[in-house]
Amino acid sequence: MAIKVQWTAGLSEKEAKDMRDLVSRNTILLGRLREILTDKLASNEKTRISLAGYDSPNWAQKQADANGYQRALNEILELIG
């Protein structure tokens, strides 16, 4: 399993090898994490596009927060492949 370079950036060669081994041995854990994050993304998307929020005077801030949360979840999903 190829991993993203961010997993090993700044590590010594031995540490990088250990990290690659660790990630490759934990595919079940990473798969489950991917499922959890995907569910969170779907839930956030429903909330973000809900009509109920339009009545809030803080709508713009809520949207910015939801967009940032979605962006962070997507970054994590990219890291775990």
N, C-alpha and C. Protein backbone atom coordinates (compact mmCIF):
# COMPACT_ATOMS: atom_id res chain seq x y z
N MET A 1 0.84 -1.18 0.00
CA MET A 1 0.00 0.00 0.00
C MET A 1 0.88 1.24 0.00
N ALA A 2 0.73 2.08 -0.99
CA ALA A 2 1.47 3.34 -1.04
C ALA A 2 0.79 4.34 -0.12
N ILE A 3 1.61 5.09 0.61
CA ILE A 3 1.05 6.08 1.53
C ILE A 3 1.44 7.48 1.07
N LYS A 4 0.71 8.47 1.54
CA LYS A 4 1.00 9.86 1.20
C LYS A 4 2.33 10.27 1.81
N VAL A 5 3.04 11.12 1.12
CA VAL A 5 4.36 11.55 1.55
C VAL A 5 4.31 12.28 2.89
N GLN A 6 3.18 12.87 3.24
CA GLN A 6 3.07 13.59 4.52
C GLN A 6 3.30 12.67 5.71
N TRP A 7 3.01 11.39 5.56
CA TRP A 7 3.20 10.44 6.66
C TRP A 7 4.68 10.32 7.04
N THR A 8 5.57 10.50 6.08
CA THR A 8 6.98 10.28 6.34
C THR A 8 7.84 11.54 6.22
N ALA A 9 7.23 12.66 5.90
CA ALA A 9 7.99 13.91 5.74
C ALA A 9 8.71 14.27 7.04
N GLY A 10 9.99 14.57 6.92
CA GLY A 10 10.78 14.99 8.07
C GLY A 10 11.28 13.87 8.95
N LEU A 11 10.98 12.64 8.60
CA LEU A 11 11.42 11.50 9.41
C LEU A 11 12.75 10.97 8.88
N SER A 12 13.49 10.32 9.76
CA SER A 12 14.70 9.64 9.31
C SER A 12 14.27 8.45 8.44
N GLU A 13 15.21 7.85 7.75
CA GLU A 13 14.88 6.72 6.88
C GLU A 13 14.28 5.56 7.69
N LYS A 14 14.85 5.29 8.87
CA LYS A 14 14.31 4.23 9.71
C LYS A 14 12.91 4.57 10.20
N GLU A 15 12.72 5.80 10.66
CA GLU A 15 11.39 6.22 11.12
C GLU A 15 10.38 6.16 9.98
N ALA A 16 10.80 6.56 8.79
CA ALA A 16 9.91 6.52 7.62
C ALA A 16 9.52 5.09 7.29
N LYS A 17 10.49 4.17 7.35
CA LYS A 17 10.19 2.76 7.09
C LYS A 17 9.22 2.23 8.14
N ASP A 18 9.47 2.57 9.41
CA ASP A 18 8.58 2.13 10.49
C ASP A 18 7.16 2.69 10.29
N MET A 19 7.07 3.93 9.86
CA MET A 19 5.76 4.55 9.62
C MET A 19 5.04 3.86 8.46
N ARG A 20 5.75 3.59 7.38
CA ARG A 20 5.14 2.88 6.24
C ARG A 20 4.63 1.51 6.68
N ASP A 21 5.44 0.82 7.47
CA ASP A 21 5.03 -0.50 7.98
C ASP A 21 3.79 -0.38 8.87
N LEU A 22 3.79 0.60 9.75
CA LEU A 22 2.67 0.80 10.66
C LEU A 22 1.38 1.09 9.89
N VAL A 23 1.45 1.98 8.92
CA VAL A 23 0.26 2.31 8.14
C VAL A 23 -0.23 1.10 7.35
N SER A 24 0.70 0.37 6.75
CA SER A 24 0.29 -0.79 5.95
C SER A 24 -0.30 -1.91 6.79
N ARG A 25 0.09 -2.01 8.06
CA ARG A 25 -0.45 -3.04 8.94
C ARG A 25 -1.82 -2.66 9.53
N ASN A 26 -2.22 -1.43 9.37
CA ASN A 26 -3.45 -0.96 10.00
C ASN A 26 -4.53 -0.59 8.99
N THR A 27 -4.64 -1.36 7.94
CA THR A 27 -5.63 -1.05 6.90
C THR A 27 -7.06 -1.20 7.41
N ILE A 28 -7.31 -2.12 8.32
CA ILE A 28 -8.67 -2.28 8.88
C ILE A 28 -9.04 -1.04 9.68
N LEU A 29 -8.13 -0.58 10.52
CA LEU A 29 -8.37 0.62 11.31
C LEU A 29 -8.59 1.83 10.42
N LEU A 30 -7.73 2.00 9.42
CA LEU A 30 -7.87 3.15 8.53
C LEU A 30 -9.15 3.06 7.69
N GLY A 31 -9.54 1.85 7.32
CA GLY A 31 -10.80 1.67 6.60
C GLY A 31 -12.00 2.08 7.44
N ARG A 32 -11.96 1.69 8.71
CA ARG A 32 -13.05 2.08 9.62
C ARG A 32 -13.07 3.59 9.84
N LEU A 33 -11.90 4.18 10.00
CA LEU A 33 -11.82 5.63 10.14
C LEU A 33 -12.38 6.32 8.90
N ARG A 34 -12.08 5.78 7.72
CA ARG A 34 -12.61 6.34 6.47
C ARG A 34 -14.14 6.30 6.48
N GLU A 35 -14.72 5.20 6.94
CA GLU A 35 -16.18 5.09 7.03
C GLU A 35 -16.77 6.13 7.98
N ILE A 36 -16.13 6.29 9.14
CA ILE A 36 -16.61 7.26 10.13
C ILE A 36 -16.55 8.68 9.56
N LEU A 37 -15.43 9.01 8.94
CA LEU A 37 -15.28 10.36 8.38
C LEU A 37 -16.24 10.61 7.23
N THR A 38 -16.49 9.58 6.43
CA THR A 38 -17.44 9.72 5.32
C THR A 38 -18.84 9.98 5.87
N ASP A 39 -19.22 9.30 6.94
CA ASP A 39 -20.51 9.54 7.58
C ASP A 39 -20.59 10.96 8.13
N LYS A 40 -19.50 11.43 8.73
CA LYS A 40 -19.48 12.79 9.26
C LYS A 40 -19.59 13.82 8.14
N LEU A 41 -18.95 13.54 7.02
CA LEU A 41 -19.07 14.43 5.86
C LEU A 41 -20.51 14.52 5.37
N ALA A 42 -21.16 13.38 5.28
CA ALA A 42 -22.55 13.36 4.81
C ALA A 42 -23.46 14.11 5.78
N SER A 43 -23.25 13.92 7.07
CA SER A 43 -24.05 14.61 8.08
C SER A 43 -23.82 16.12 8.02
N ASN A 44 -22.57 16.50 7.89
CA ASN A 44 -22.24 17.93 7.79
C ASN A 44 -22.87 18.55 6.54
N GLU A 45 -22.85 17.81 5.45
CA GLU A 45 -23.43 18.32 4.20
C GLU A 45 -24.93 18.55 4.35
N LYS A 46 -25.62 17.61 5.00
CA LYS A 46 -27.06 17.78 5.22
C LYS A 46 -27.34 19.03 6.04
N THR A 47 -26.56 19.21 7.10
CA THR A 47 -26.73 20.38 7.96
C THR A 47 -26.41 21.66 7.20
N ARG A 48 -25.34 21.62 6.43
CA ARG A 48 -24.87 22.81 5.71
C ARG A 48 -25.87 23.30 4.69
N ILE A 49 -26.58 22.39 4.03
CA ILE A 49 -27.52 22.82 2.99
C ILE A 49 -28.96 22.87 3.47
N SER A 50 -29.16 22.64 4.76
CA SER A 50 -30.50 22.68 5.34
C SER A 50 -31.09 24.08 5.26
N LEU A 51 -32.36 24.15 4.92
CA LEU A 51 -33.06 25.45 4.85
C LEU A 51 -33.25 26.06 6.23
N ALA A 52 -33.22 25.25 7.27
CA ALA A 52 -33.47 25.75 8.63
C ALA A 52 -32.46 26.81 9.05
N GLY A 53 -31.26 26.73 8.59
CA GLY A 53 -30.22 27.67 9.00
C GLY A 53 -30.32 29.05 8.40
N TYR A 54 -31.10 29.21 7.33
CA TYR A 54 -31.17 30.49 6.65
C TYR A 54 -31.78 31.59 7.52
N ASP A 55 -32.56 31.23 8.52
CA ASP A 55 -33.19 32.23 9.39
C ASP A 55 -32.23 32.77 10.45
N SER A 56 -31.09 32.18 10.58
CA SER A 56 -30.14 32.58 11.61
C SER A 56 -29.38 33.84 11.21
N PRO A 57 -29.26 34.80 12.13
CA PRO A 57 -28.46 35.98 11.82
C PRO A 57 -26.96 35.65 11.70
N ASN A 58 -26.57 34.48 12.18
CA ASN A 58 -25.17 34.05 12.10
C ASN A 58 -24.95 33.06 10.96
N TRP A 59 -25.81 33.07 9.97
CA TRP A 59 -25.76 32.09 8.90
C TRP A 59 -24.39 32.05 8.22
N ALA A 60 -23.83 33.21 7.92
CA ALA A 60 -22.54 33.25 7.21
C ALA A 60 -21.44 32.59 8.04
N GLN A 61 -21.42 32.85 9.34
CA GLN A 61 -20.41 32.25 10.20
C GLN A 61 -20.62 30.74 10.30
N LYS A 62 -21.87 30.31 10.38
CA LYS A 62 -22.15 28.87 10.43
C LYS A 62 -21.71 28.18 9.14
N GLN A 63 -21.95 28.84 8.02
CA GLN A 63 -21.53 28.27 6.74
C GLN A 63 -20.00 28.17 6.66
N ALA A 64 -19.33 29.24 7.11
CA ALA A 64 -17.86 29.23 7.09
C ALA A 64 -17.33 28.10 7.97
N ASP A 65 -17.93 27.92 9.14
CA ASP A 65 -17.51 26.85 10.04
C ASP A 65 -17.75 25.48 9.40
N ALA A 66 -18.92 25.29 8.82
CA ALA A 66 -19.25 24.00 8.19
C ALA A 66 -18.32 23.73 7.01
N ASN A 67 -18.00 24.76 6.24
CA ASN A 67 -17.09 24.59 5.11
C ASN A 67 -15.69 24.22 5.57
N GLY A 68 -15.22 24.88 6.64
CA GLY A 68 -13.90 24.55 7.18
C GLY A 68 -13.84 23.14 7.73
N TYR A 69 -14.91 22.73 8.41
CA TYR A 69 -15.00 21.37 8.95
C TYR A 69 -14.96 20.35 7.81
N GLN A 70 -15.72 20.64 6.77
CA GLN A 70 -15.74 19.73 5.62
C GLN A 70 -14.37 19.66 4.96
N ARG A 71 -13.72 20.79 4.83
CA ARG A 71 -12.39 20.81 4.23
C ARG A 71 -11.41 19.98 5.07
N ALA A 72 -11.47 20.10 6.41
CA ALA A 72 -10.58 19.35 7.29
C ALA A 72 -10.84 17.84 7.18
N LEU A 73 -12.11 17.44 7.16
CA LEU A 73 -12.43 16.02 7.01
C LEU A 73 -11.90 15.49 5.68
N ASN A 74 -12.05 16.27 4.62
CA ASN A 74 -11.54 15.85 3.32
C ASN A 74 -10.02 15.72 3.31
N GLU A 75 -9.32 16.61 4.02
CA GLU A 75 -7.87 16.50 4.11
C GLU A 75 -7.46 15.21 4.81
N ILE A 76 -8.15 14.86 5.86
CA ILE A 76 -7.85 13.62 6.58
C ILE A 76 -8.12 12.42 5.69
N LEU A 77 -9.24 12.45 4.97
CA LEU A 77 -9.56 11.36 4.06
C LEU A 77 -8.49 11.21 2.99
N GLU A 78 -7.96 12.32 2.51
CA GLU A 78 -6.88 12.26 1.51
C GLU A 78 -5.62 11.60 2.10
N LEU A 79 -5.34 11.90 3.37
CA LEU A 79 -4.15 11.32 3.99
C LEU A 79 -4.25 9.80 4.18
N ILE A 80 -5.46 9.33 4.47
CA ILE A 80 -5.59 7.89 4.71
C ILE A 80 -5.91 7.12 3.46
N GLY A 81 -6.07 7.84 2.34
CA GLY A 81 -6.23 7.19 1.04
C GLY A 81 -7.57 6.67 0.70
